Amino acid sequence: MARNNDDMVAFLGKGTTFKGIITYEGAIRIDGKVEGEIVSQGDLVIGESAVVDAKVSVGTIVCGGKINGDLQASKKIHLLSKSTMSGSLNTPSLIIDEGVHFNGHCEMKKASQTKSDPG
């Protein structure tokens, strides 16, 4: 996970709004509002002030804000204690801290499993 500013390739600050498709390599942090789709093999950090209404498909997600939509992470999803999640989760590794509000569906498969592999 991106630990310093050099690892971050983009930052959407508090009070900003983006509508559309975000694609990137590396790691980004969102503290504003995003509507649409986020696609990457990299890391996504969703800050406490963020509101994400999107279909998300990335490598790793760490969320402290609000998400409405479907999340797919090829590595891991970590929902921090103040986060709110409504939608479906698909990931091989899931961490949900105490205090998270989660309403939805969760599917966990090993990273090597695919849709054609019944597991």
PDB file of N, CA and C in Angstrom:
ATOM      1  N   MET A   1       0.835  -1.188   0.000  1.00  0.00           N
ATOM      2  CA  MET A   1       0.000   0.000   0.000  1.00  0.00           C
ATOM      3  C   MET A   1       0.871   1.239   0.000  1.00  0.00           C
ATOM      4  N   ALA A   2       0.436   2.243  -0.677  1.00  0.00           N
ATOM      5  CA  ALA A   2       1.197   3.486  -0.764  1.00  0.00           C
ATOM      6  C   ALA A   2       1.347   4.092   0.627  1.00  0.00           C
ATOM      7  N   ARG A   3       2.576   4.315   1.039  1.00  0.00           N
ATOM      8  CA  ARG A   3       2.836   4.834   2.376  1.00  0.00           C
ATOM      9  C   ARG A   3       3.289   6.284   2.389  1.00  0.00           C
ATOM     10  N   ASN A   4       3.725   6.813   1.232  1.00  0.00           N
ATOM     11  CA  ASN A   4       4.144   8.205   1.213  1.00  0.00           C
ATOM     12  C   ASN A   4       3.667   8.875  -0.066  1.00  0.00           C
ATOM     13  N   ASN A   5       3.830  10.179  -0.142  1.00  0.00           N
ATOM     14  CA  ASN A   5       3.318  10.941  -1.277  1.00  0.00           C
ATOM     15  C   ASN A   5       3.971  10.556  -2.592  1.00  0.00           C
ATOM     16  N   ASP A   6       5.210  10.033  -2.562  1.00  0.00           N
ATOM     17  CA  ASP A   6       5.891   9.632  -3.789  1.00  0.00           C
ATOM     18  C   ASP A   6       5.185   8.456  -4.454  1.00  0.00           C
ATOM     19  N   ASP A   7       4.484   7.626  -3.683  1.00  0.00           N
ATOM     20  CA  ASP A   7       3.780   6.473  -4.220  1.00  0.00           C
ATOM     21  C   ASP A   7       2.438   6.851  -4.854  1.00  0.00           C
ATOM     22  N   MET A   8       1.883   7.990  -4.477  1.00  0.00           N
ATOM     23  CA  MET A   8       0.585   8.425  -4.981  1.00  0.00           C
ATOM     24  C   MET A   8       0.748   9.076  -6.355  1.00  0.00           C
ATOM     25  N   VAL A   9      -0.077   8.642  -7.315  1.00  0.00           N
ATOM     26  CA  VAL A   9      -0.030   9.245  -8.644  1.00  0.00           C
ATOM     27  C   VAL A   9      -1.127  10.293  -8.814  1.00  0.00           C
ATOM     28  N   ALA A  10      -2.141  10.277  -7.945  1.00  0.00           N
ATOM     29  CA  ALA A  10      -3.222  11.260  -8.039  1.00  0.00           C
ATOM     30  C   ALA A  10      -3.895  11.417  -6.680  1.00  0.00           C
ATOM     31  N   PHE A  11      -4.509  12.585  -6.486  1.00  0.00           N
ATOM     32  CA  PHE A  11      -5.211  12.899  -5.248  1.00  0.00           C
ATOM     33  C   PHE A  11      -6.421  13.752  -5.596  1.00  0.00           C
ATOM     34  N   LEU A  12      -7.594  13.309  -5.173  1.00  0.00           N
ATOM     35  CA  LEU A  12      -8.827  14.075  -5.368  1.00  0.00           C
ATOM     36  C   LEU A  12      -9.228  14.592  -3.991  1.00  0.00           C
ATOM     37  N   GLY A  13      -9.005  15.871  -3.755  1.00  0.00           N
ATOM     38  CA  GLY A  13      -9.169  16.451  -2.431  1.00  0.00           C
ATOM     39  C   GLY A  13     -10.602  16.674  -2.000  1.00  0.00           C
ATOM     40  N   LYS A  14     -10.750  16.937  -0.706  1.00  0.00           N
ATOM     41  CA  LYS A  14     -12.044  17.231  -0.103  1.00  0.00           C
ATOM     42  C   LYS A  14     -12.655  18.447  -0.794  1.00  0.00           C
ATOM     43  N   GLY A  15     -13.953  18.362  -1.103  1.00  0.00           N
ATOM     44  CA  GLY A  15     -14.644  19.457  -1.758  1.00  0.00           C
ATOM     45  C   GLY A  15     -14.625  19.381  -3.279  1.00  0.00           C
ATOM     46  N   THR A  16     -13.944  18.382  -3.841  1.00  0.00           N
ATOM     47  CA  THR A  16     -13.922  18.226  -5.297  1.00  0.00           C
ATOM     48  C   THR A  16     -14.867  17.112  -5.715  1.00  0.00           C
ATOM     49  N   THR A  17     -15.364  17.204  -6.951  1.00  0.00           N
ATOM     50  CA  THR A  17     -16.282  16.205  -7.505  1.00  0.00           C
ATOM     51  C   THR A  17     -15.778  15.766  -8.868  1.00  0.00           C
ATOM     52  N   PHE A  18     -15.824  14.450  -9.115  1.00  0.00           N
ATOM     53  CA  PHE A  18     -15.441  13.906 -10.418  1.00  0.00           C
ATOM     54  C   PHE A  18     -16.530  12.955 -10.876  1.00  0.00           C
ATOM     55  N   LYS A  19     -16.962  13.103 -12.150  1.00  0.00           N
ATOM     56  CA  LYS A  19     -17.926  12.190 -12.751  1.00  0.00           C
ATOM     57  C   LYS A  19     -17.290  11.607 -14.001  1.00  0.00           C
ATOM     58  N   GLY A  20     -17.251  10.265 -14.076  1.00  0.00           N
ATOM     59  CA  GLY A  20     -16.667   9.622 -15.246  1.00  0.00           C
ATOM     60  C   GLY A  20     -15.899   8.370 -14.868  1.00  0.00           C
ATOM     61  N   ILE A  21     -14.915   8.031 -15.702  1.00  0.00           N
ATOM     62  CA  ILE A  21     -14.102   6.827 -15.507  1.00  0.00           C
ATOM     63  C   ILE A  21     -12.688   7.241 -15.126  1.00  0.00           C
ATOM     64  N   ILE A  22     -12.193   6.696 -14.017  1.00  0.00           N
ATOM     65  CA  ILE A  22     -10.814   6.928 -13.587  1.00  0.00           C
ATOM     66  C   ILE A  22     -10.023   5.645 -13.837  1.00  0.00           C
ATOM     67  N   THR A  23      -8.937   5.760 -14.600  1.00  0.00           N
ATOM     68  CA  THR A  23      -7.997   4.649 -14.772  1.00  0.00           C
ATOM     69  C   THR A  23      -6.616   5.168 -14.403  1.00  0.00           C
ATOM     70  N   TYR A  24      -5.788   4.315 -13.802  1.00  0.00           N
ATOM     71  CA  TYR A  24      -4.469   4.767 -13.352  1.00  0.00           C
ATOM     72  C   TYR A  24      -3.562   3.577 -13.093  1.00  0.00           C
ATOM     73  N   GLU A  25      -2.283   3.871 -12.928  1.00  0.00           N
ATOM     74  CA  GLU A  25      -1.297   2.905 -12.468  1.00  0.00           C
ATOM     75  C   GLU A  25      -0.696   3.469 -11.193  1.00  0.00           C
ATOM     76  N   GLY A  26      -0.425   2.617 -10.220  1.00  0.00           N
ATOM     77  CA  GLY A  26       0.129   3.093  -8.956  1.00  0.00           C
ATOM     78  C   GLY A  26      -0.957   3.165  -7.901  1.00  0.00           C
ATOM     79  N   ALA A  27      -1.029   4.306  -7.205  1.00  0.00           N
ATOM     80  CA  ALA A  27      -1.988   4.478  -6.109  1.00  0.00           C
ATOM     81  C   ALA A  27      -2.610   5.860  -6.175  1.00  0.00           C
ATOM     82  N   ILE A  28      -3.891   5.947  -5.814  1.00  0.00           N
ATOM     83  CA  ILE A  28      -4.549   7.251  -5.700  1.00  0.00           C
ATOM     84  C   ILE A  28      -5.300   7.323  -4.372  1.00  0.00           C
ATOM     85  N   ARG A  29      -5.538   8.552  -3.954  1.00  0.00           N
ATOM     86  CA  ARG A  29      -6.329   8.805  -2.752  1.00  0.00           C
ATOM     87  C   ARG A  29      -7.479   9.709  -3.134  1.00  0.00           C
ATOM     88  N   ILE A  30      -8.677   9.369  -2.634  1.00  0.00           N
ATOM     89  CA  ILE A  30      -9.874  10.165  -2.881  1.00  0.00           C
ATOM     90  C   ILE A  30     -10.412  10.662  -1.544  1.00  0.00           C
ATOM     91  N   ASP A  31     -10.550  11.974  -1.433  1.00  0.00           N
ATOM     92  CA  ASP A  31     -11.190  12.579  -0.269  1.00  0.00           C
ATOM     93  C   ASP A  31     -12.424  13.380  -0.677  1.00  0.00           C
ATOM     94  N   GLY A  32     -12.696  13.457  -1.975  1.00  0.00           N
ATOM     95  CA  GLY A  32     -13.850  14.173  -2.501  1.00  0.00           C
ATOM     96  C   GLY A  32     -14.962  13.217  -2.887  1.00  0.00           C
ATOM     97  N   LYS A  33     -15.711  13.597  -3.944  1.00  0.00           N
ATOM     98  CA  LYS A  33     -16.843  12.797  -4.401  1.00  0.00           C
ATOM     99  C   LYS A  33     -16.554  12.277  -5.808  1.00  0.00           C
ATOM    100  N   VAL A  34     -16.816  10.980  -6.019  1.00  0.00           N
ATOM    101  CA  VAL A  34     -16.615  10.360  -7.326  1.00  0.00           C
ATOM    102  C   VAL A  34     -17.871   9.602  -7.713  1.00  0.00           C
ATOM    103  N   GLU A  35     -18.320   9.823  -8.961  1.00  0.00           N
ATOM    104  CA  GLU A  35     -19.432   9.071  -9.528  1.00  0.00           C
ATOM    105  C   GLU A  35     -18.966   8.467 -10.845  1.00  0.00           C
ATOM    106  N   GLY A  36     -19.187   7.164 -11.033  1.00  0.00           N
ATOM    107  CA  GLY A  36     -18.816   6.541 -12.302  1.00  0.00           C
ATOM    108  C   GLY A  36     -18.146   5.201 -12.125  1.00  0.00           C
ATOM    109  N   GLU A  37     -16.871   5.135 -12.537  1.00  0.00           N
ATOM    110  CA  GLU A  37     -16.143   3.875 -12.513  1.00  0.00           C
ATOM    111  C   GLU A  37     -14.667   4.138 -12.226  1.00  0.00           C
ATOM    112  N   ILE A  38     -14.048   3.250 -11.439  1.00  0.00           N
ATOM    113  CA  ILE A  38     -12.627   3.327 -11.117  1.00  0.00           C
ATOM    114  C   ILE A  38     -12.009   1.987 -11.479  1.00  0.00           C
ATOM    115  N   VAL A  39     -10.984   2.004 -12.364  1.00  0.00           N
ATOM    116  CA  VAL A  39     -10.381   0.768 -12.853  1.00  0.00           C
ATOM    117  C   VAL A  39      -8.861   0.868 -12.769  1.00  0.00           C
ATOM    118  N   SER A  40      -8.216  -0.125 -12.127  1.00  0.00           N
ATOM    119  CA  SER A  40      -6.763  -0.156 -12.019  1.00  0.00           C
ATOM    120  C   SER A  40      -6.333  -1.481 -11.407  1.00  0.00           C
ATOM    121  N   GLN A  41      -5.060  -1.796 -11.518  1.00  0.00           N
ATOM    122  CA  GLN A  41      -4.481  -2.906 -10.769  1.00  0.00           C
ATOM    123  C   GLN A  41      -3.773  -2.375  -9.525  1.00  0.00           C
ATOM    124  N   GLY A  42      -3.784  -1.061  -9.365  1.00  0.00           N
ATOM    125  CA  GLY A  42      -3.089  -0.406  -8.259  1.00  0.00           C
ATOM    126  C   GLY A  42      -3.933  -0.291  -7.006  1.00  0.00           C
ATOM    127  N   ASP A  43      -3.489   0.594  -6.108  1.00  0.00           N
ATOM    128  CA  ASP A  43      -4.122   0.792  -4.804  1.00  0.00           C
ATOM    129  C   ASP A  43      -5.062   1.985  -4.842  1.00  0.00           C
ATOM    130  N   LEU A  44      -6.149   1.884  -4.085  1.00  0.00           N
ATOM    131  CA  LEU A  44      -7.121   2.958  -3.951  1.00  0.00           C
ATOM    132  C   LEU A  44      -7.349   3.220  -2.470  1.00  0.00           C
ATOM    133  N   VAL A  45      -7.123   4.468  -2.052  1.00  0.00           N
ATOM    134  CA  VAL A  45      -7.372   4.882  -0.676  1.00  0.00           C
ATOM    135  C   VAL A  45      -8.546   5.844  -0.704  1.00  0.00           C
ATOM    136  N   ILE A  46      -9.585   5.523   0.067  1.00  0.00           N
ATOM    137  CA  ILE A  46     -10.778   6.356   0.144  1.00  0.00           C
ATOM    138  C   ILE A  46     -10.826   6.950   1.551  1.00  0.00           C
ATOM    139  N   GLY A  47     -10.626   8.258   1.619  1.00  0.00           N
ATOM    140  CA  GLY A  47     -10.545   8.941   2.903  1.00  0.00           C
ATOM    141  C   GLY A  47     -11.894   9.087   3.595  1.00  0.00           C
ATOM    142  N   GLU A  48     -11.875   9.524   4.855  1.00  0.00           N
ATOM    143  CA  GLU A  48     -13.086   9.643   5.673  1.00  0.00           C
ATOM    144  C   GLU A  48     -14.107  10.603   5.090  1.00  0.00           C
ATOM    145  N   SER A  49     -13.672  11.642   4.392  1.00  0.00           N
ATOM    146  CA  SER A  49     -14.601  12.623   3.841  1.00  0.00           C
ATOM    147  C   SER A  49     -15.105  12.241   2.451  1.00  0.00           C
ATOM    148  N   ALA A  50     -14.617  11.138   1.891  1.00  0.00           N
ATOM    149  CA  ALA A  50     -14.960  10.740   0.523  1.00  0.00           C
ATOM    150  C   ALA A  50     -16.340  10.102   0.433  1.00  0.00           C
ATOM    151  N   VAL A  51     -16.988  10.348  -0.725  1.00  0.00           N
ATOM    152  CA  VAL A  51     -18.230   9.681  -1.079  1.00  0.00           C
ATOM    153  C   VAL A  51     -18.030   9.135  -2.486  1.00  0.00           C
ATOM    154  N   VAL A  52     -18.062   7.814  -2.615  1.00  0.00           N
ATOM    155  CA  VAL A  52     -17.827   7.164  -3.903  1.00  0.00           C
ATOM    156  C   VAL A  52     -19.086   6.412  -4.303  1.00  0.00           C
ATOM    157  N   ASP A  53     -19.646   6.790  -5.436  1.00  0.00           N
ATOM    158  CA  ASP A  53     -20.812   6.117  -6.005  1.00  0.00           C
ATOM    159  C   ASP A  53     -20.347   5.578  -7.348  1.00  0.00           C
ATOM    160  N   ALA A  54     -19.758   4.365  -7.314  1.00  0.00           N
ATOM    161  CA  ALA A  54     -19.073   3.882  -8.506  1.00  0.00           C
ATOM    162  C   ALA A  54     -18.906   2.367  -8.504  1.00  0.00           C
ATOM    163  N   LYS A  55     -18.652   1.856  -9.689  1.00  0.00           N
ATOM    164  CA  LYS A  55     -18.202   0.478  -9.848  1.00  0.00           C
ATOM    165  C   LYS A  55     -16.679   0.537  -9.770  1.00  0.00           C
ATOM    166  N   VAL A  56     -16.090  -0.237  -8.841  1.00  0.00           N
ATOM    167  CA  VAL A  56     -14.657  -0.159  -8.590  1.00  0.00           C
ATOM    168  C   VAL A  56     -14.014  -1.516  -8.831  1.00  0.00           C
ATOM    169  N   SER A  57     -12.935  -1.528  -9.622  1.00  0.00           N
ATOM    170  CA  SER A  57     -12.170  -2.736  -9.878  1.00  0.00           C
ATOM    171  C   SER A  57     -10.690  -2.372  -9.814  1.00  0.00           C
ATOM    172  N   VAL A  58     -10.050  -2.704  -8.677  1.00  0.00           N
ATOM    173  CA  VAL A  58      -8.647  -2.332  -8.448  1.00  0.00           C
ATOM    174  C   VAL A  58      -7.905  -3.481  -7.766  1.00  0.00           C
ATOM    175  N   GLY A  59      -6.637  -3.254  -7.453  1.00  0.00           N
ATOM    176  CA  GLY A  59      -5.836  -4.248  -6.757  1.00  0.00           C
ATOM    177  C   GLY A  59      -6.179  -4.309  -5.275  1.00  0.00           C
ATOM    178  N   THR A  60      -6.015  -3.175  -4.575  1.00  0.00           N
ATOM    179  CA  THR A  60      -6.261  -3.085  -3.134  1.00  0.00           C
ATOM    180  C   THR A  60      -7.088  -1.839  -2.839  1.00  0.00           C
ATOM    181  N   ILE A  61      -8.067  -1.986  -1.948  1.00  0.00           N
ATOM    182  CA  ILE A  61      -8.896  -0.863  -1.524  1.00  0.00           C
ATOM    183  C   ILE A  61      -8.794  -0.718  -0.007  1.00  0.00           C
ATOM    184  N   VAL A  62      -8.517   0.501   0.454  1.00  0.00           N
ATOM    185  CA  VAL A  62      -8.595   0.836   1.871  1.00  0.00           C
ATOM    186  C   VAL A  62      -9.602   1.969   1.968  1.00  0.00           C
ATOM    187  N   CYS A  63     -10.698   1.739   2.694  1.00  0.00           N
ATOM    188  CA  CYS A  63     -11.799   2.707   2.723  1.00  0.00           C
ATOM    189  C   CYS A  63     -12.099   3.180   4.134  1.00  0.00           C
ATOM    190  N   GLY A  64     -12.136   4.509   4.286  1.00  0.00           N
ATOM    191  CA  GLY A  64     -12.570   5.120   5.534  1.00  0.00           C
ATOM    192  C   GLY A  64     -13.802   5.975   5.334  1.00  0.00           C
ATOM    193  N   GLY A  65     -14.291   6.067   4.092  1.00  0.00           N
ATOM    194  CA  GLY A  65     -15.422   6.929   3.757  1.00  0.00           C
ATOM    195  C   GLY A  65     -16.682   6.153   3.423  1.00  0.00           C
ATOM    196  N   LYS A  66     -17.465   6.695   2.475  1.00  0.00           N
ATOM    197  CA  LYS A  66     -18.733   6.084   2.079  1.00  0.00           C
ATOM    198  C   LYS A  66     -18.638   5.590   0.639  1.00  0.00           C
ATOM    199  N   ILE A  67     -19.087   4.342   0.429  1.00  0.00           N
ATOM    200  CA  ILE A  67     -19.103   3.771  -0.913  1.00  0.00           C
ATOM    201  C   ILE A  67     -20.473   3.179  -1.188  1.00  0.00           C
ATOM    202  N   ASN A  68     -21.022   3.518  -2.356  1.00  0.00           N
ATOM    203  CA  ASN A  68     -22.223   2.891  -2.883  1.00  0.00           C
ATOM    204  C   ASN A  68     -21.820   2.305  -4.225  1.00  0.00           C
ATOM    205  N   GLY A  69     -21.877   0.986  -4.342  1.00  0.00           N
ATOM    206  CA  GLY A  69     -21.501   0.373  -5.613  1.00  0.00           C
ATOM    207  C   GLY A  69     -20.872  -0.982  -5.407  1.00  0.00           C
ATOM    208  N   ASP A  70     -20.364  -1.513  -6.483  1.00  0.00           N
ATOM    209  CA  ASP A  70     -19.747  -2.838  -6.460  1.00  0.00           C
ATOM    210  C   ASP A  70     -18.235  -2.690  -6.430  1.00  0.00           C
ATOM    211  N   LEU A  71     -17.594  -3.375  -5.471  1.00  0.00           N
ATOM    212  CA  LEU A  71     -16.148  -3.340  -5.335  1.00  0.00           C
ATOM    213  C   LEU A  71     -15.558  -4.689  -5.702  1.00  0.00           C
ATOM    214  N   GLN A  72     -14.546  -4.671  -6.549  1.00  0.00           N
ATOM    215  CA  GLN A  72     -13.793  -5.874  -6.869  1.00  0.00           C
ATOM    216  C   GLN A  72     -12.322  -5.539  -6.667  1.00  0.00           C
ATOM    217  N   ALA A  73     -11.665  -6.311  -5.813  1.00  0.00           N
ATOM    218  CA  ALA A  73     -10.242  -6.115  -5.546  1.00  0.00           C
ATOM    219  C   ALA A  73      -9.508  -7.430  -5.776  1.00  0.00           C
ATOM    220  N   SER A  74      -8.463  -7.394  -6.588  1.00  0.00           N
ATOM    221  CA  SER A  74      -7.728  -8.623  -6.887  1.00  0.00           C
ATOM    222  C   SER A  74      -6.842  -9.052  -5.720  1.00  0.00           C
ATOM    223  N   LYS A  75      -6.541  -8.113  -4.783  1.00  0.00           N
ATOM    224  CA  LYS A  75      -5.677  -8.443  -3.642  1.00  0.00           C
ATOM    225  C   LYS A  75      -6.419  -8.380  -2.308  1.00  0.00           C
ATOM    226  N   LYS A  76      -6.979  -7.187  -1.977  1.00  0.00           N
ATOM    227  CA  LYS A  76      -7.544  -7.025  -0.633  1.00  0.00           C
ATOM    228  C   LYS A  76      -8.484  -5.830  -0.580  1.00  0.00           C
ATOM    229  N   ILE A  77      -9.510  -5.945   0.289  1.00  0.00           N
ATOM    230  CA  ILE A  77     -10.369  -4.821   0.662  1.00  0.00           C
ATOM    231  C   ILE A  77     -10.287  -4.667   2.178  1.00  0.00           C
ATOM    232  N   HIS A  78     -10.030  -3.437   2.637  1.00  0.00           N
ATOM    233  CA  HIS A  78      -9.982  -3.140   4.070  1.00  0.00           C
ATOM    234  C   HIS A  78     -10.954  -1.996   4.331  1.00  0.00           C
ATOM    235  N   LEU A  79     -12.022  -2.285   5.081  1.00  0.00           N
ATOM    236  CA  LEU A  79     -13.009  -1.279   5.466  1.00  0.00           C
ATOM    237  C   LEU A  79     -12.667  -0.798   6.873  1.00  0.00           C
ATOM    238  N   LEU A  80     -12.305   0.467   6.992  1.00  0.00           N
ATOM    239  CA  LEU A  80     -11.907   1.044   8.268  1.00  0.00           C
ATOM    240  C   LEU A  80     -13.130   1.372   9.123  1.00  0.00           C
ATOM    241  N   SER A  81     -12.927   1.578  10.414  1.00  0.00           N
ATOM    242  CA  SER A  81     -14.015   1.649  11.390  1.00  0.00           C
ATOM    243  C   SER A  81     -15.093   2.691  11.111  1.00  0.00           C
ATOM    244  N   LYS A  82     -14.789   3.781  10.450  1.00  0.00           N
ATOM    245  CA  LYS A  82     -15.800   4.817  10.218  1.00  0.00           C
ATOM    246  C   LYS A  82     -16.441   4.716   8.841  1.00  0.00           C
ATOM    247  N   SER A  83     -16.129   3.675   8.088  1.00  0.00           N
ATOM    248  CA  SER A  83     -16.632   3.592   6.711  1.00  0.00           C
ATOM    249  C   SER A  83     -18.050   3.034   6.634  1.00  0.00           C
ATOM    250  N   THR A  84     -18.709   3.361   5.502  1.00  0.00           N
ATOM    251  CA  THR A  84     -20.039   2.872   5.196  1.00  0.00           C
ATOM    252  C   THR A  84     -19.998   2.274   3.799  1.00  0.00           C
ATOM    253  N   MET A  85     -20.457   1.036   3.664  1.00  0.00           N
ATOM    254  CA  MET A  85     -20.412   0.344   2.382  1.00  0.00           C
ATOM    255  C   MET A  85     -21.775  -0.230   2.059  1.00  0.00           C
ATOM    256  N   SER A  86     -22.298   0.121   0.870  1.00  0.00           N
ATOM    257  CA  SER A  86     -23.548  -0.449   0.374  1.00  0.00           C
ATOM    258  C   SER A  86     -23.272  -0.985  -1.021  1.00  0.00           C
ATOM    259  N   GLY A  87     -23.392  -2.294  -1.190  1.00  0.00           N
ATOM    260  CA  GLY A  87     -23.127  -2.907  -2.489  1.00  0.00           C
ATOM    261  C   GLY A  87     -22.467  -4.257  -2.325  1.00  0.00           C
ATOM    262  N   SER A  88     -21.869  -4.737  -3.393  1.00  0.00           N
ATOM    263  CA  SER A  88     -21.252  -6.057  -3.340  1.00  0.00           C
ATOM    264  C   SER A  88     -19.732  -5.948  -3.269  1.00  0.00           C
ATOM    265  N   LEU A  89     -19.129  -6.909  -2.581  1.00  0.00           N
ATOM    266  CA  LEU A  89     -17.684  -7.004  -2.457  1.00  0.00           C
ATOM    267  C   LEU A  89     -17.224  -8.310  -3.083  1.00  0.00           C
ATOM    268  N   ASN A  90     -16.134  -8.266  -3.838  1.00  0.00           N
ATOM    269  CA  ASN A  90     -15.541  -9.466  -4.411  1.00  0.00           C
ATOM    270  C   ASN A  90     -14.035  -9.334  -4.250  1.00  0.00           C
ATOM    271  N   THR A  91     -13.441 -10.177  -3.406  1.00  0.00           N
ATOM    272  CA  THR A  91     -12.022 -10.079  -3.092  1.00  0.00           C
ATOM    273  C   THR A  91     -11.534 -11.372  -2.450  1.00  0.00           C
ATOM    274  N   PRO A  92     -10.249 -11.710  -2.604  1.00  0.00           N
ATOM    275  CA  PRO A  92      -9.730 -12.890  -1.913  1.00  0.00           C
ATOM    276  C   PRO A  92      -9.422 -12.631  -0.441  1.00  0.00           C
ATOM    277  N   SER A  93      -9.277 -11.364  -0.043  1.00  0.00           N
ATOM    278  CA  SER A  93      -8.928 -11.028   1.333  1.00  0.00           C
ATOM    279  C   SER A  93      -9.757  -9.823   1.781  1.00  0.00           C
ATOM    280  N   LEU A  94     -10.438  -9.953   2.933  1.00  0.00           N
ATOM    281  CA  LEU A  94     -11.325  -8.898   3.419  1.00  0.00           C
ATOM    282  C   LEU A  94     -11.066  -8.631   4.891  1.00  0.00           C
ATOM    283  N   ILE A  95     -10.907  -7.338   5.218  1.00  0.00           N
ATOM    284  CA  ILE A  95     -10.770  -6.910   6.609  1.00  0.00           C
ATOM    285  C   ILE A  95     -11.876  -5.888   6.869  1.00  0.00           C
ATOM    286  N   ILE A  96     -12.704  -6.150   7.879  1.00  0.00           N
ATOM    287  CA  ILE A  96     -13.756  -5.217   8.264  1.00  0.00           C
ATOM    288  C   ILE A  96     -13.542  -4.860   9.726  1.00  0.00           C
ATOM    289  N   ASP A  97     -13.189  -3.608   9.979  1.00  0.00           N
ATOM    290  CA  ASP A  97     -12.964  -3.144  11.342  1.00  0.00           C
ATOM    291  C   ASP A  97     -14.286  -2.990  12.084  1.00  0.00           C
ATOM    292  N   GLU A  98     -14.219  -3.035  13.407  1.00  0.00           N
ATOM    293  CA  GLU A  98     -15.399  -2.801  14.228  1.00  0.00           C
ATOM    294  C   GLU A  98     -15.919  -1.394  13.973  1.00  0.00           C
ATOM    295  N   GLY A  99     -17.234  -1.249  13.812  1.00  0.00           N
ATOM    296  CA  GLY A  99     -17.855   0.045  13.593  1.00  0.00           C
ATOM    297  C   GLY A  99     -18.227   0.311  12.141  1.00  0.00           C
ATOM    298  N   VAL A 100     -17.841  -0.576  11.229  1.00  0.00           N
ATOM    299  CA  VAL A 100     -18.186  -0.419   9.816  1.00  0.00           C
ATOM    300  C   VAL A 100     -19.674  -0.687   9.627  1.00  0.00           C
ATOM    301  N   HIS A 101     -20.322   0.087   8.749  1.00  0.00           N
ATOM    302  CA  HIS A 101     -21.703  -0.161   8.349  1.00  0.00           C
ATOM    303  C   HIS A 101     -21.656  -0.783   6.965  1.00  0.00           C
ATOM    304  N   PHE A 102     -21.983  -2.084   6.877  1.00  0.00           N
ATOM    305  CA  PHE A 102     -21.923  -2.801   5.608  1.00  0.00           C
ATOM    306  C   PHE A 102     -23.281  -3.410   5.303  1.00  0.00           C
ATOM    307  N   ASN A 103     -23.839  -3.021   4.151  1.00  0.00           N
ATOM    308  CA  ASN A 103     -25.081  -3.596   3.659  1.00  0.00           C
ATOM    309  C   ASN A 103     -24.822  -4.074   2.244  1.00  0.00           C
ATOM    310  N   GLY A 104     -24.887  -5.385   2.047  1.00  0.00           N
ATOM    311  CA  GLY A 104     -24.640  -5.893   0.707  1.00  0.00           C
ATOM    312  C   GLY A 104     -24.285  -7.357   0.703  1.00  0.00           C
ATOM    313  N   HIS A 105     -23.574  -7.728  -0.334  1.00  0.00           N
ATOM    314  CA  HIS A 105     -23.209  -9.106  -0.590  1.00  0.00           C
ATOM    315  C   HIS A 105     -21.689  -9.198  -0.671  1.00  0.00           C
ATOM    316  N   CYS A 106     -21.134 -10.292  -0.154  1.00  0.00           N
ATOM    317  CA  CYS A 106     -19.686 -10.483  -0.197  1.00  0.00           C
ATOM    318  C   CYS A 106     -19.370 -11.840  -0.795  1.00  0.00           C
ATOM    319  N   GLU A 107     -18.439 -11.861  -1.746  1.00  0.00           N
ATOM    320  CA  GLU A 107     -17.964 -13.107  -2.336  1.00  0.00           C
ATOM    321  C   GLU A 107     -16.449 -13.120  -2.235  1.00  0.00           C
ATOM    322  N   MET A 108     -15.914 -14.214  -1.664  1.00  0.00           N
ATOM    323  CA  MET A 108     -14.465 -14.330  -1.508  1.00  0.00           C
ATOM    324  C   MET A 108     -13.988 -15.602  -2.183  1.00  0.00           C
ATOM    325  N   LYS A 109     -13.066 -15.428  -3.121  1.00  0.00           N
ATOM    326  CA  LYS A 109     -12.424 -16.552  -3.791  1.00  0.00           C
ATOM    327  C   LYS A 109     -10.930 -16.356  -3.686  1.00  0.00           C
ATOM    328  N   LYS A 110     -10.197 -17.439  -3.768  1.00  0.00           N
ATOM    329  CA  LYS A 110      -8.749 -17.335  -3.789  1.00  0.00           C
ATOM    330  C   LYS A 110      -8.335 -16.528  -5.006  1.00  0.00           C
ATOM    331  N   ALA A 111      -7.223 -15.840  -4.909  1.00  0.00           N
ATOM    332  CA  ALA A 111      -6.763 -14.976  -5.986  1.00  0.00           C
ATOM    333  C   ALA A 111      -6.589 -15.720  -7.301  1.00  0.00           C
ATOM    334  N   SER A 112      -6.277 -17.011  -7.250  1.00  0.00           N
ATOM    335  CA  SER A 112      -6.037 -17.786  -8.469  1.00  0.00           C
ATOM    336  C   SER A 112      -7.330 -18.264  -9.131  1.00  0.00           C
ATOM    337  N   GLN A 113      -8.460 -18.151  -8.427  1.00  0.00           N
ATOM    338  CA  GLN A 113      -9.725 -18.623  -9.001  1.00  0.00           C
ATOM    339  C   GLN A 113     -10.294 -17.615  -9.976  1.00  0.00           C
ATOM    340  N   THR A 114     -10.916 -18.119 -11.030  1.00  0.00           N
ATOM    341  CA  THR A 114     -11.562 -17.265 -12.017  1.00  0.00           C
ATOM    342  C   THR A 114     -13.001 -17.691 -12.148  1.00  0.00           C
ATOM    343  N   LYS A 115     -13.768 -16.982 -12.958  1.00  0.00           N
ATOM    344  CA  LYS A 115     -15.171 -17.326 -13.153  1.00  0.00           C
ATOM    345  C   LYS A 115     -15.345 -18.715 -13.754  1.00  0.00           C
ATOM    346  N   SER A 116     -14.387 -19.175 -14.598  1.00  0.00           N
ATOM    347  CA  SER A 116     -14.484 -20.492 -15.216  1.00  0.00           C
ATOM    348  C   SER A 116     -14.023 -21.599 -14.280  1.00  0.00           C
ATOM    349  N   ASP A 117     -13.363 -21.234 -13.158  1.00  0.00           N
ATOM    350  CA  ASP A 117     -12.887 -22.203 -12.178  1.00  0.00           C
ATOM    351  C   ASP A 117     -13.902 -22.310 -11.058  1.00  0.00           C
ATOM    352  N   PRO A 118     -14.625 -23.433 -10.931  1.00  0.00           N
ATOM    353  CA  PRO A 118     -15.667 -23.544  -9.922  1.00  0.00           C
ATOM    354  C   PRO A 118     -15.167 -23.521  -8.499  1.00  0.00           C
ATOM    355  N   GLY A 119     -13.863 -23.694  -8.277  1.00  0.00           N
ATOM    356  CA  GLY A 119     -13.270 -23.538  -6.968  1.00  0.00           C
ATOM    357  C   GLY A 119     -13.453 -24.707  -6.103  1.00  0.00           C
TER     358      GLY A 119
END
